[in-house]
Amino acid sequence: MIQVSMQKFLTPLLLAVLMIGSFVRNSVWQNDGTLWLDTAIHSPEKPRGYNEIGLYYIDRHEYQKAFEPLQRSLQLDPYQPTIYINLGLAYEGMGLPDKAMDAYRRVISMNPDDPTAYYNLGLLYYNNKNDRAGALGLLLQARDRNPFEPDVHNYLAKIYQDMGRMDLAQEELRRFTQLK
């Protein structure tokens, strides 16, 4: 009899504790920022949480806020090409293309097979430096490393069109359309 009565008491208590725990954890899952902030708090010596916090701010166009967590991630592990990509994106968002270029060049020196660094650097050459030849070379390198990225083909088409190479522009547009 006592065992049945104890079970009637403990079951609702356990259910209440589990509900409170779920409620507390739901606040962590509110958005990417709260999730990665919780990760960084619970694993302060792991760089990924800080990188993801920085990327969260970049996605929200809060570029200045992205720097502190990205720098912390680099302090923990300075050999992360992805962090330099994200720093480059933050610099671009702040209107600092030269610093962004330095960040992308750093990625290329660390990991010469990273297509994203070539692509981002190529776009800076195209959009900020108005250097079609430099952009073409970089975007071709990005395409060689990842031929399945549609945006690379789109920009290659634009460059070829600017150069009057309509045959190559049409071929790149065809690839862009197929991959999109």
N, C-alpha and C. Protein backbone atom coordinates (compact mmCIF):
# COMPACT_ATOMS: atom_id res chain seq x y z
N MET A 1 0.82 -1.19 0.00
CA MET A 1 0.00 0.00 0.00
C MET A 1 0.86 1.26 0.00
N ILE A 2 1.90 1.25 0.81
CA ILE A 2 2.79 2.40 0.87
C ILE A 2 3.52 2.55 -0.46
N GLN A 3 3.87 1.42 -1.06
CA GLN A 3 4.60 1.46 -2.33
C GLN A 3 3.72 2.08 -3.44
N VAL A 4 2.45 1.74 -3.50
CA VAL A 4 1.53 2.29 -4.48
C VAL A 4 1.35 3.78 -4.23
N SER A 5 1.21 4.18 -3.00
CA SER A 5 1.03 5.58 -2.64
C SER A 5 2.29 6.39 -2.99
N MET A 6 3.47 5.81 -2.75
CA MET A 6 4.74 6.46 -3.08
C MET A 6 4.87 6.63 -4.59
N GLN A 7 4.44 5.62 -5.32
CA GLN A 7 4.51 5.67 -6.79
C GLN A 7 3.59 6.77 -7.32
N LYS A 8 2.40 6.94 -6.72
CA LYS A 8 1.48 7.99 -7.13
C LYS A 8 2.08 9.37 -6.88
N PHE A 9 2.89 9.49 -5.87
CA PHE A 9 3.54 10.76 -5.55
C PHE A 9 4.75 11.02 -6.46
N LEU A 10 5.59 10.00 -6.68
CA LEU A 10 6.82 10.18 -7.45
C LEU A 10 6.58 10.37 -8.95
N THR A 11 5.57 9.72 -9.48
CA THR A 11 5.32 9.83 -10.92
C THR A 11 5.03 11.28 -11.32
N PRO A 12 4.11 11.98 -10.67
CA PRO A 12 3.89 13.39 -11.05
C PRO A 12 5.11 14.27 -10.78
N LEU A 13 5.84 13.96 -9.71
CA LEU A 13 7.03 14.73 -9.39
C LEU A 13 8.09 14.57 -10.50
N LEU A 14 8.31 13.34 -10.91
CA LEU A 14 9.26 13.08 -11.99
C LEU A 14 8.82 13.76 -13.28
N LEU A 15 7.54 13.69 -13.58
CA LEU A 15 7.00 14.33 -14.77
C LEU A 15 7.22 15.85 -14.71
N ALA A 16 6.99 16.45 -13.54
CA ALA A 16 7.20 17.89 -13.38
C ALA A 16 8.66 18.27 -13.57
N VAL A 17 9.57 17.47 -13.02
CA VAL A 17 11.01 17.74 -13.17
C VAL A 17 11.41 17.66 -14.65
N LEU A 18 10.92 16.65 -15.34
CA LEU A 18 11.24 16.50 -16.77
C LEU A 18 10.66 17.64 -17.60
N MET A 19 9.47 18.09 -17.26
CA MET A 19 8.87 19.21 -17.98
C MET A 19 9.68 20.49 -17.77
N ILE A 20 10.10 20.74 -16.56
CA ILE A 20 10.92 21.92 -16.28
C ILE A 20 12.24 21.84 -17.03
N GLY A 21 12.86 20.67 -17.02
CA GLY A 21 14.11 20.49 -17.77
C GLY A 21 13.93 20.74 -19.25
N SER A 22 12.82 20.26 -19.81
CA SER A 22 12.54 20.50 -21.23
C SER A 22 12.33 21.98 -21.50
N PHE A 23 11.62 22.64 -20.62
CA PHE A 23 11.37 24.07 -20.79
C PHE A 23 12.69 24.85 -20.79
N VAL A 24 13.57 24.53 -19.86
CA VAL A 24 14.87 25.21 -19.77
C VAL A 24 15.69 24.94 -21.04
N ARG A 25 15.71 23.72 -21.50
CA ARG A 25 16.49 23.39 -22.71
C ARG A 25 15.89 24.05 -23.95
N ASN A 26 14.57 24.23 -23.99
CA ASN A 26 13.95 24.89 -25.14
C ASN A 26 14.46 26.32 -25.30
N SER A 27 14.77 26.98 -24.21
CA SER A 27 15.29 28.35 -24.32
C SER A 27 16.66 28.34 -25.00
N VAL A 28 17.42 27.26 -24.83
CA VAL A 28 18.71 27.14 -25.50
C VAL A 28 18.51 26.98 -27.00
N TRP A 29 17.47 26.28 -27.40
CA TRP A 29 17.21 25.99 -28.81
C TRP A 29 16.39 27.11 -29.48
N GLN A 30 16.29 28.24 -28.85
CA GLN A 30 15.50 29.35 -29.37
C GLN A 30 15.94 29.76 -30.77
N ASN A 31 17.26 29.85 -30.99
CA ASN A 31 17.80 30.17 -32.31
C ASN A 31 19.26 29.71 -32.34
N ASP A 32 19.90 29.86 -33.49
CA ASP A 32 21.29 29.41 -33.62
C ASP A 32 22.22 30.14 -32.64
N GLY A 33 21.95 31.42 -32.41
CA GLY A 33 22.79 32.18 -31.50
C GLY A 33 22.75 31.65 -30.08
N THR A 34 21.55 31.38 -29.57
CA THR A 34 21.45 30.87 -28.20
C THR A 34 22.01 29.46 -28.09
N LEU A 35 21.82 28.66 -29.13
CA LEU A 35 22.35 27.29 -29.11
C LEU A 35 23.88 27.31 -29.05
N TRP A 36 24.52 28.11 -29.92
CA TRP A 36 25.98 28.12 -29.95
C TRP A 36 26.57 28.87 -28.77
N LEU A 37 25.85 29.85 -28.24
CA LEU A 37 26.32 30.51 -27.02
C LEU A 37 26.34 29.50 -25.87
N ASP A 38 25.31 28.69 -25.76
CA ASP A 38 25.27 27.65 -24.74
C ASP A 38 26.42 26.66 -24.94
N THR A 39 26.68 26.31 -26.19
CA THR A 39 27.80 25.41 -26.49
C THR A 39 29.12 26.01 -26.04
N ALA A 40 29.33 27.30 -26.34
CA ALA A 40 30.58 27.95 -25.94
C ALA A 40 30.71 28.05 -24.42
N ILE A 41 29.59 28.28 -23.75
CA ILE A 41 29.63 28.36 -22.29
C ILE A 41 30.00 27.01 -21.68
N HIS A 42 29.43 25.95 -22.23
CA HIS A 42 29.67 24.62 -21.67
C HIS A 42 30.96 23.97 -22.17
N SER A 43 31.49 24.47 -23.27
CA SER A 43 32.76 23.95 -23.81
C SER A 43 33.65 25.14 -24.19
N PRO A 44 34.10 25.91 -23.21
CA PRO A 44 34.82 27.16 -23.51
C PRO A 44 36.18 26.97 -24.18
N GLU A 45 36.71 25.78 -24.18
CA GLU A 45 38.02 25.56 -24.80
C GLU A 45 37.91 24.92 -26.18
N LYS A 46 36.70 24.85 -26.71
CA LYS A 46 36.51 24.30 -28.05
C LYS A 46 36.15 25.43 -29.00
N PRO A 47 36.84 25.55 -30.12
CA PRO A 47 36.67 26.70 -31.00
C PRO A 47 35.36 26.73 -31.80
N ARG A 48 34.74 25.58 -32.04
CA ARG A 48 33.59 25.56 -32.95
C ARG A 48 32.44 26.45 -32.47
N GLY A 49 32.14 26.42 -31.19
CA GLY A 49 31.03 27.22 -30.69
C GLY A 49 31.22 28.70 -30.98
N TYR A 50 32.44 29.18 -30.80
CA TYR A 50 32.73 30.60 -31.06
C TYR A 50 32.62 30.92 -32.55
N ASN A 51 33.09 30.01 -33.39
CA ASN A 51 32.96 30.21 -34.83
C ASN A 51 31.49 30.32 -35.22
N GLU A 52 30.68 29.44 -34.69
CA GLU A 52 29.26 29.43 -35.05
C GLU A 52 28.54 30.67 -34.52
N ILE A 53 28.96 31.18 -33.38
CA ILE A 53 28.39 32.44 -32.88
C ILE A 53 28.74 33.57 -33.85
N GLY A 54 29.99 33.60 -34.29
CA GLY A 54 30.39 34.61 -35.26
C GLY A 54 29.59 34.51 -36.55
N LEU A 55 29.39 33.31 -37.03
CA LEU A 55 28.61 33.10 -38.25
C LEU A 55 27.16 33.51 -38.05
N TYR A 56 26.63 33.27 -36.87
CA TYR A 56 25.27 33.71 -36.54
C TYR A 56 25.16 35.23 -36.71
N TYR A 57 26.13 35.96 -36.18
CA TYR A 57 26.11 37.42 -36.31
C TYR A 57 26.29 37.86 -37.77
N ILE A 58 27.12 37.17 -38.50
CA ILE A 58 27.30 37.50 -39.92
C ILE A 58 25.98 37.32 -40.66
N ASP A 59 25.30 36.22 -40.41
CA ASP A 59 24.01 35.97 -41.06
C ASP A 59 22.98 37.06 -40.74
N ARG A 60 23.12 37.67 -39.57
CA ARG A 60 22.22 38.75 -39.15
C ARG A 60 22.73 40.13 -39.57
N HIS A 61 23.83 40.16 -40.30
CA HIS A 61 24.47 41.40 -40.75
C HIS A 61 24.95 42.26 -39.58
N GLU A 62 25.31 41.60 -38.49
CA GLU A 62 25.89 42.28 -37.32
C GLU A 62 27.38 41.96 -37.33
N TYR A 63 28.06 42.51 -38.31
CA TYR A 63 29.44 42.13 -38.61
C TYR A 63 30.41 42.47 -37.48
N GLN A 64 30.23 43.61 -36.84
CA GLN A 64 31.13 44.00 -35.76
C GLN A 64 31.05 43.01 -34.60
N LYS A 65 29.84 42.54 -34.31
CA LYS A 65 29.66 41.58 -33.22
C LYS A 65 30.31 40.24 -33.53
N ALA A 66 30.52 39.95 -34.79
CA ALA A 66 31.09 38.65 -35.18
C ALA A 66 32.57 38.55 -34.82
N PHE A 67 33.26 39.66 -34.73
CA PHE A 67 34.72 39.62 -34.56
C PHE A 67 35.17 38.99 -33.24
N GLU A 68 34.55 39.35 -32.14
CA GLU A 68 35.02 38.83 -30.85
C GLU A 68 34.95 37.30 -30.79
N PRO A 69 33.80 36.68 -31.10
CA PRO A 69 33.80 35.21 -31.05
C PRO A 69 34.71 34.57 -32.10
N LEU A 70 34.84 35.18 -33.28
CA LEU A 70 35.74 34.60 -34.29
C LEU A 70 37.20 34.69 -33.82
N GLN A 71 37.56 35.80 -33.22
CA GLN A 71 38.92 35.94 -32.69
C GLN A 71 39.18 34.94 -31.56
N ARG A 72 38.18 34.72 -30.73
CA ARG A 72 38.33 33.73 -29.65
C ARG A 72 38.54 32.33 -30.23
N SER A 73 37.81 32.02 -31.27
CA SER A 73 37.97 30.72 -31.92
C SER A 73 39.38 30.57 -32.47
N LEU A 74 39.91 31.64 -33.06
CA LEU A 74 41.28 31.59 -33.59
C LEU A 74 42.32 31.47 -32.47
N GLN A 75 42.06 32.07 -31.33
CA GLN A 75 42.98 31.92 -30.20
C GLN A 75 43.07 30.46 -29.77
N LEU A 76 41.94 29.78 -29.83
CA LEU A 76 41.90 28.38 -29.42
C LEU A 76 42.53 27.46 -30.46
N ASP A 77 42.39 27.82 -31.74
CA ASP A 77 42.97 27.02 -32.81
C ASP A 77 43.21 27.91 -34.02
N PRO A 78 44.45 28.40 -34.19
CA PRO A 78 44.73 29.35 -35.28
C PRO A 78 44.78 28.70 -36.67
N TYR A 79 44.63 27.41 -36.76
CA TYR A 79 44.73 26.72 -38.05
C TYR A 79 43.37 26.25 -38.53
N GLN A 80 42.42 27.17 -38.58
CA GLN A 80 41.06 26.87 -39.03
C GLN A 80 40.73 27.72 -40.25
N PRO A 81 40.85 27.18 -41.42
CA PRO A 81 40.52 27.97 -42.60
C PRO A 81 39.10 28.55 -42.59
N THR A 82 38.15 27.82 -42.03
CA THR A 82 36.76 28.28 -42.00
C THR A 82 36.62 29.59 -41.24
N ILE A 83 37.39 29.74 -40.19
CA ILE A 83 37.31 30.98 -39.41
C ILE A 83 37.75 32.17 -40.26
N TYR A 84 38.80 31.98 -41.05
CA TYR A 84 39.27 33.08 -41.91
C TYR A 84 38.25 33.39 -43.00
N ILE A 85 37.54 32.37 -43.48
CA ILE A 85 36.45 32.64 -44.43
C ILE A 85 35.41 33.53 -43.75
N ASN A 86 35.03 33.18 -42.53
CA ASN A 86 34.03 33.95 -41.82
C ASN A 86 34.53 35.36 -41.48
N LEU A 87 35.80 35.48 -41.12
CA LEU A 87 36.36 36.82 -40.91
C LEU A 87 36.30 37.63 -42.20
N GLY A 88 36.62 36.99 -43.32
CA GLY A 88 36.53 37.68 -44.61
C GLY A 88 35.12 38.17 -44.87
N LEU A 89 34.13 37.35 -44.58
CA LEU A 89 32.73 37.76 -44.77
C LEU A 89 32.38 38.95 -43.87
N ALA A 90 32.87 38.92 -42.64
CA ALA A 90 32.62 40.04 -41.73
C ALA A 90 33.29 41.32 -42.25
N TYR A 91 34.53 41.20 -42.69
CA TYR A 91 35.21 42.38 -43.25
C TYR A 91 34.47 42.90 -44.48
N GLU A 92 34.01 42.01 -45.33
CA GLU A 92 33.24 42.45 -46.50
C GLU A 92 32.00 43.21 -46.06
N GLY A 93 31.30 42.66 -45.08
CA GLY A 93 30.08 43.30 -44.60
C GLY A 93 30.33 44.68 -44.01
N MET A 94 31.52 44.88 -43.51
CA MET A 94 31.87 46.19 -42.93
C MET A 94 32.48 47.13 -43.97
N GLY A 95 32.55 46.67 -45.21
CA GLY A 95 33.12 47.52 -46.26
C GLY A 95 34.63 47.60 -46.23
N LEU A 96 35.29 46.53 -45.79
CA LEU A 96 36.75 46.48 -45.72
C LEU A 96 37.27 45.38 -46.65
N PRO A 97 37.18 45.60 -47.97
CA PRO A 97 37.53 44.53 -48.91
C PRO A 97 38.99 44.11 -48.86
N ASP A 98 39.91 45.02 -48.57
CA ASP A 98 41.32 44.64 -48.51
C ASP A 98 41.59 43.66 -47.37
N LYS A 99 40.95 43.90 -46.22
CA LYS A 99 41.11 42.98 -45.10
C LYS A 99 40.45 41.64 -45.42
N ALA A 100 39.32 41.70 -46.11
CA ALA A 100 38.65 40.45 -46.51
C ALA A 100 39.56 39.66 -47.45
N MET A 101 40.19 40.35 -48.38
CA MET A 101 41.10 39.68 -49.32
C MET A 101 42.25 39.01 -48.57
N ASP A 102 42.79 39.71 -47.58
CA ASP A 102 43.87 39.11 -46.78
C ASP A 102 43.40 37.83 -46.09
N ALA A 103 42.17 37.86 -45.57
CA ALA A 103 41.63 36.67 -44.89
C ALA A 103 41.48 35.51 -45.87
N TYR A 104 40.98 35.79 -47.08
CA TYR A 104 40.80 34.72 -48.07
C TYR A 104 42.15 34.20 -48.57
N ARG A 105 43.11 35.10 -48.71
CA ARG A 105 44.45 34.64 -49.11
C ARG A 105 45.07 33.75 -48.04
N ARG A 106 44.77 34.06 -46.81
CA ARG A 106 45.28 33.23 -45.72
C ARG A 106 44.70 31.82 -45.80
N VAL A 107 43.43 31.73 -46.15
CA VAL A 107 42.80 30.42 -46.32
C VAL A 107 43.51 29.65 -47.43
N ILE A 108 43.75 30.32 -48.54
CA ILE A 108 44.40 29.67 -49.68
C ILE A 108 45.79 29.19 -49.30
N SER A 109 46.50 29.97 -48.50
CA SER A 109 47.84 29.53 -48.07
C SER A 109 47.77 28.33 -47.12
N MET A 110 46.71 28.27 -46.32
CA MET A 110 46.54 27.17 -45.37
C MET A 110 45.97 25.92 -46.05
N ASN A 111 45.05 26.15 -46.98
CA ASN A 111 44.35 25.04 -47.63
C ASN A 111 44.11 25.40 -49.09
N PRO A 112 45.09 25.15 -49.94
CA PRO A 112 44.98 25.55 -51.35
C PRO A 112 43.84 24.87 -52.12
N ASP A 113 43.19 23.90 -51.54
CA ASP A 113 42.10 23.22 -52.22
C ASP A 113 40.72 23.74 -51.83
N ASP A 114 40.65 24.80 -51.04
CA ASP A 114 39.37 25.33 -50.58
C ASP A 114 38.72 26.19 -51.66
N PRO A 115 37.65 25.73 -52.30
CA PRO A 115 37.04 26.50 -53.38
C PRO A 115 36.37 27.78 -52.89
N THR A 116 35.92 27.81 -51.65
CA THR A 116 35.21 28.98 -51.14
C THR A 116 36.12 30.20 -51.09
N ALA A 117 37.37 30.00 -50.70
CA ALA A 117 38.30 31.13 -50.62
C ALA A 117 38.55 31.72 -52.02
N TYR A 118 38.74 30.86 -53.01
CA TYR A 118 38.94 31.35 -54.38
C TYR A 118 37.70 32.08 -54.88
N TYR A 119 36.54 31.52 -54.60
CA TYR A 119 35.28 32.13 -55.03
C TYR A 119 35.10 33.51 -54.39
N ASN A 120 35.23 33.58 -53.06
CA ASN A 120 35.03 34.85 -52.37
C ASN A 120 36.06 35.89 -52.82
N LEU A 121 37.29 35.46 -52.97
CA LEU A 121 38.33 36.39 -53.43
C LEU A 121 38.05 36.84 -54.86
N GLY A 122 37.61 35.91 -55.70
CA GLY A 122 37.26 36.26 -57.07
C GLY A 122 36.14 37.28 -57.13
N LEU A 123 35.14 37.15 -56.26
CA LEU A 123 34.05 38.13 -56.24
C LEU A 123 34.54 39.50 -55.82
N LEU A 124 35.48 39.53 -54.90
CA LEU A 124 36.04 40.83 -54.50
C LEU A 124 36.80 41.48 -55.65
N TYR A 125 37.55 40.67 -56.38
CA TYR A 125 38.25 41.21 -57.55
C TYR A 125 37.24 41.74 -58.57
N TYR A 126 36.16 41.01 -58.75
CA TYR A 126 35.14 41.40 -59.73
C TYR A 126 34.37 42.64 -59.28
N ASN A 127 33.87 42.60 -58.06
CA ASN A 127 32.96 43.65 -57.59
C ASN A 127 33.66 44.88 -57.02
N ASN A 128 34.80 44.69 -56.35
CA ASN A 128 35.43 45.81 -55.66
C ASN A 128 36.65 46.36 -56.39
N LYS A 129 37.38 45.49 -57.04
CA LYS A 129 38.60 45.92 -57.72
C LYS A 129 38.39 46.15 -59.21
N ASN A 130 37.23 45.72 -59.70
CA ASN A 130 36.93 45.82 -61.13
C ASN A 130 38.04 45.17 -61.97
N ASP A 131 38.60 44.11 -61.44
CA ASP A 131 39.70 43.39 -62.10
C ASP A 131 39.14 42.08 -62.66
N ARG A 132 38.68 42.13 -63.91
CA ARG A 132 38.06 40.97 -64.54
C ARG A 132 39.05 39.83 -64.72
N ALA A 133 40.27 40.13 -65.11
CA ALA A 133 41.27 39.08 -65.33
C ALA A 133 41.61 38.37 -64.02
N GLY A 134 41.81 39.13 -62.97
CA GLY A 134 42.10 38.53 -61.66
C GLY A 134 40.92 37.69 -61.17
N ALA A 135 39.72 38.22 -61.34
CA ALA A 135 38.51 37.50 -60.93
C ALA A 135 38.37 36.21 -61.73
N LEU A 136 38.63 36.29 -63.02
CA LEU A 136 38.51 35.10 -63.87
C LEU A 136 39.44 33.99 -63.39
N GLY A 137 40.69 34.32 -63.14
CA GLY A 137 41.65 33.32 -62.69
C GLY A 137 41.22 32.67 -61.38
N LEU A 138 40.75 33.46 -60.45
CA LEU A 138 40.33 32.93 -59.16
C LEU A 138 39.07 32.09 -59.27
N LEU A 139 38.11 32.55 -60.07
CA LEU A 139 36.87 31.79 -60.23
C LEU A 139 37.10 30.50 -60.99
N LEU A 140 38.03 30.49 -61.92
CA LEU A 140 38.37 29.23 -62.58
C LEU A 140 38.98 28.25 -61.59
N GLN A 141 39.79 28.77 -60.67
CA GLN A 141 40.35 27.90 -59.64
C GLN A 141 39.25 27.35 -58.73
N ALA A 142 38.28 28.20 -58.40
CA ALA A 142 37.15 27.74 -57.58
C ALA A 142 36.37 26.66 -58.33
N ARG A 143 36.14 26.89 -59.62
CA ARG A 143 35.41 25.90 -60.43
C ARG A 143 36.16 24.58 -60.52
N ASP A 144 37.48 24.66 -60.68
CA ASP A 144 38.28 23.43 -60.75
C ASP A 144 38.18 22.63 -59.46
N ARG A 145 38.05 23.32 -58.34
CA ARG A 145 38.00 22.64 -57.04
C ARG A 145 36.59 22.16 -56.68
N ASN A 146 35.59 22.84 -57.23
CA ASN A 146 34.20 22.42 -57.01
C ASN A 146 33.37 22.79 -58.24
N PRO A 147 33.31 21.91 -59.21
CA PRO A 147 32.57 22.22 -60.45
C PRO A 147 31.05 22.20 -60.28
N PHE A 148 30.57 21.87 -59.09
CA PHE A 148 29.13 21.75 -58.87
C PHE A 148 28.52 22.96 -58.16
N GLU A 149 29.29 24.02 -57.99
CA GLU A 149 28.77 25.23 -57.34
C GLU A 149 28.20 26.15 -58.41
N PRO A 150 26.87 26.32 -58.45
CA PRO A 150 26.27 27.09 -59.53
C PRO A 150 26.71 28.56 -59.58
N ASP A 151 26.90 29.19 -58.43
CA ASP A 151 27.25 30.61 -58.44
C ASP A 151 28.59 30.89 -59.11
N VAL A 152 29.51 29.95 -59.04
CA VAL A 152 30.80 30.13 -59.72
C VAL A 152 30.55 30.24 -61.22
N HIS A 153 29.72 29.37 -61.76
CA HIS A 153 29.42 29.40 -63.19
C HIS A 153 28.68 30.69 -63.57
N ASN A 154 27.83 31.17 -62.70
CA ASN A 154 27.11 32.41 -62.96
C ASN A 154 28.09 33.58 -63.11
N TYR A 155 29.04 33.68 -62.19
CA TYR A 155 30.01 34.78 -62.28
C TYR A 155 30.98 34.59 -63.45
N LEU A 156 31.34 33.36 -63.72
CA LEU A 156 32.18 33.13 -64.90
C LEU A 156 31.46 33.60 -66.16
N ALA A 157 30.16 33.34 -66.24
CA ALA A 157 29.38 33.79 -67.39
C ALA A 157 29.40 35.32 -67.50
N LYS A 158 29.27 36.00 -66.38
CA LYS A 158 29.31 37.47 -66.38
C LYS A 158 30.66 37.98 -66.88
N ILE A 159 31.72 37.37 -66.40
CA ILE A 159 33.06 37.81 -66.81
C ILE A 159 33.27 37.57 -68.29
N TYR A 160 32.90 36.38 -68.75
CA TYR A 160 33.06 36.09 -70.18
C TYR A 160 32.22 37.04 -71.03
N GLN A 161 31.04 37.37 -70.55
CA GLN A 161 30.21 38.32 -71.28
C GLN A 161 30.89 39.69 -71.31
N ASP A 162 31.45 40.12 -70.18
CA ASP A 162 32.18 41.40 -70.14
C ASP A 162 33.34 41.41 -71.13
N MET A 163 33.94 40.24 -71.32
CA MET A 163 35.10 40.13 -72.20
C MET A 163 34.69 39.92 -73.66
N GLY A 164 33.38 39.82 -73.90
CA GLY A 164 32.91 39.60 -75.26
C GLY A 164 33.02 38.16 -75.72
N ARG A 165 33.24 37.25 -74.81
CA ARG A 165 33.35 35.82 -75.13
C ARG A 165 31.99 35.16 -74.92
N MET A 166 31.07 35.43 -75.84
CA MET A 166 29.69 34.98 -75.68
C MET A 166 29.57 33.46 -75.71
N ASP A 167 30.43 32.78 -76.45
CA ASP A 167 30.39 31.31 -76.49
C ASP A 167 30.66 30.72 -75.11
N LEU A 168 31.69 31.24 -74.45
CA LEU A 168 32.02 30.75 -73.10
C LEU A 168 30.97 31.20 -72.08
N ALA A 169 30.44 32.41 -72.27
CA ALA A 169 29.41 32.91 -71.37
C ALA A 169 28.17 32.02 -71.44
N GLN A 170 27.78 31.64 -72.64
CA GLN A 170 26.60 30.77 -72.80
C GLN A 170 26.84 29.39 -72.18
N GLU A 171 28.05 28.86 -72.35
CA GLU A 171 28.37 27.56 -71.76
C GLU A 171 28.30 27.61 -70.23
N GLU A 172 28.83 28.67 -69.64
CA GLU A 172 28.78 28.80 -68.19
C GLU A 172 27.34 29.02 -67.70
N LEU A 173 26.55 29.77 -68.45
CA LEU A 173 25.15 29.95 -68.08
C LEU A 173 24.38 28.64 -68.17
N ARG A 174 24.70 27.81 -69.14
CA ARG A 174 24.08 26.51 -69.27
C ARG A 174 24.40 25.66 -68.02
N ARG A 175 25.67 25.69 -67.62
CA ARG A 175 26.06 24.93 -66.42
C ARG A 175 25.38 25.48 -65.17
N PHE A 176 25.32 26.80 -65.09
CA PHE A 176 24.63 27.43 -63.96
C PHE A 176 23.18 26.95 -63.87
N THR A 177 22.49 26.97 -64.99
CA THR A 177 21.09 26.56 -65.04
C THR A 177 20.92 25.09 -64.67
N GLN A 178 21.82 24.26 -65.15
CA GLN A 178 21.75 22.84 -64.82
C GLN A 178 21.95 22.58 -63.33
N LEU A 179 22.83 23.32 -62.72
CA LEU A 179 23.17 23.08 -61.32
C LEU A 179 22.24 23.78 -60.33
N LYS A 180 21.59 24.81 -60.80
CA LYS A 180 20.73 25.63 -59.92
C LYS A 180 19.55 24.86 -59.41
